[in-house]
Amino acid sequence: MAKSIIAYFSHSGNTEVIANIIKENVGGDLFKRYHVGFRN
């Protein structure tokens, strides 16, 4: 069976909570995307 990946970006943490709930129910690996850049 194929493995799933749950990719997410969470600025305030809300999406991270939902991503973990999905992981618990569906299985797979979490991938957290980080914003990398400079603000002027």
Protein backbone atom coordinates (compact mmCIF):
# COMPACT_ATOMS: atom_id res chain seq x y z
CA MET A 1 0.00 0.00 0.00
CA ALA A 2 1.24 3.48 -0.83
CA LYS A 3 2.31 5.77 1.98
CA SER A 4 0.77 9.23 2.36
CA ILE A 5 2.45 12.53 3.07
CA ILE A 6 0.62 15.39 4.76
CA ALA A 7 2.29 18.66 3.75
CA TYR A 8 1.31 21.83 5.56
CA PHE A 9 2.28 25.39 6.41
CA SER A 10 1.12 26.76 9.74
CA HIS A 11 1.74 30.35 10.77
CA SER A 12 -0.29 30.29 14.00
CA GLY A 13 -0.33 26.54 14.73
CA ASN A 14 -3.95 25.82 13.79
CA THR A 15 -3.12 24.01 10.56
CA GLU A 16 -0.47 21.97 12.37
CA VAL A 17 -3.13 20.69 14.77
CA ILE A 18 -5.36 19.66 11.86
CA ALA A 19 -2.42 18.03 10.04
CA ASN A 20 -1.71 15.91 13.12
CA ILE A 21 -5.37 14.87 13.35
CA ILE A 22 -5.26 13.82 9.68
CA LYS A 23 -2.04 11.86 10.35
CA GLU A 24 -3.64 10.02 13.26
CA ASN A 25 -6.67 9.05 11.15
CA VAL A 26 -5.07 8.41 7.76
CA GLY A 27 -1.47 7.59 8.61
CA GLY A 28 1.59 8.71 6.72
CA ASP A 29 4.30 11.26 7.30
CA LEU A 30 4.10 14.95 8.13
CA PHE A 31 6.02 17.52 6.14
CA LYS A 32 6.07 21.03 7.59
CA ARG A 33 6.86 23.76 5.10
CA TYR A 34 8.75 26.71 6.50
CA HIS A 35 8.68 30.21 5.06
CA VAL A 36 12.22 31.22 4.23
CA GLY A 37 12.77 34.75 3.11
CA PHE A 38 13.44 38.26 4.15
CA ARG A 39 10.97 41.02 4.85
CA ASN A 40 11.95 44.55 4.06
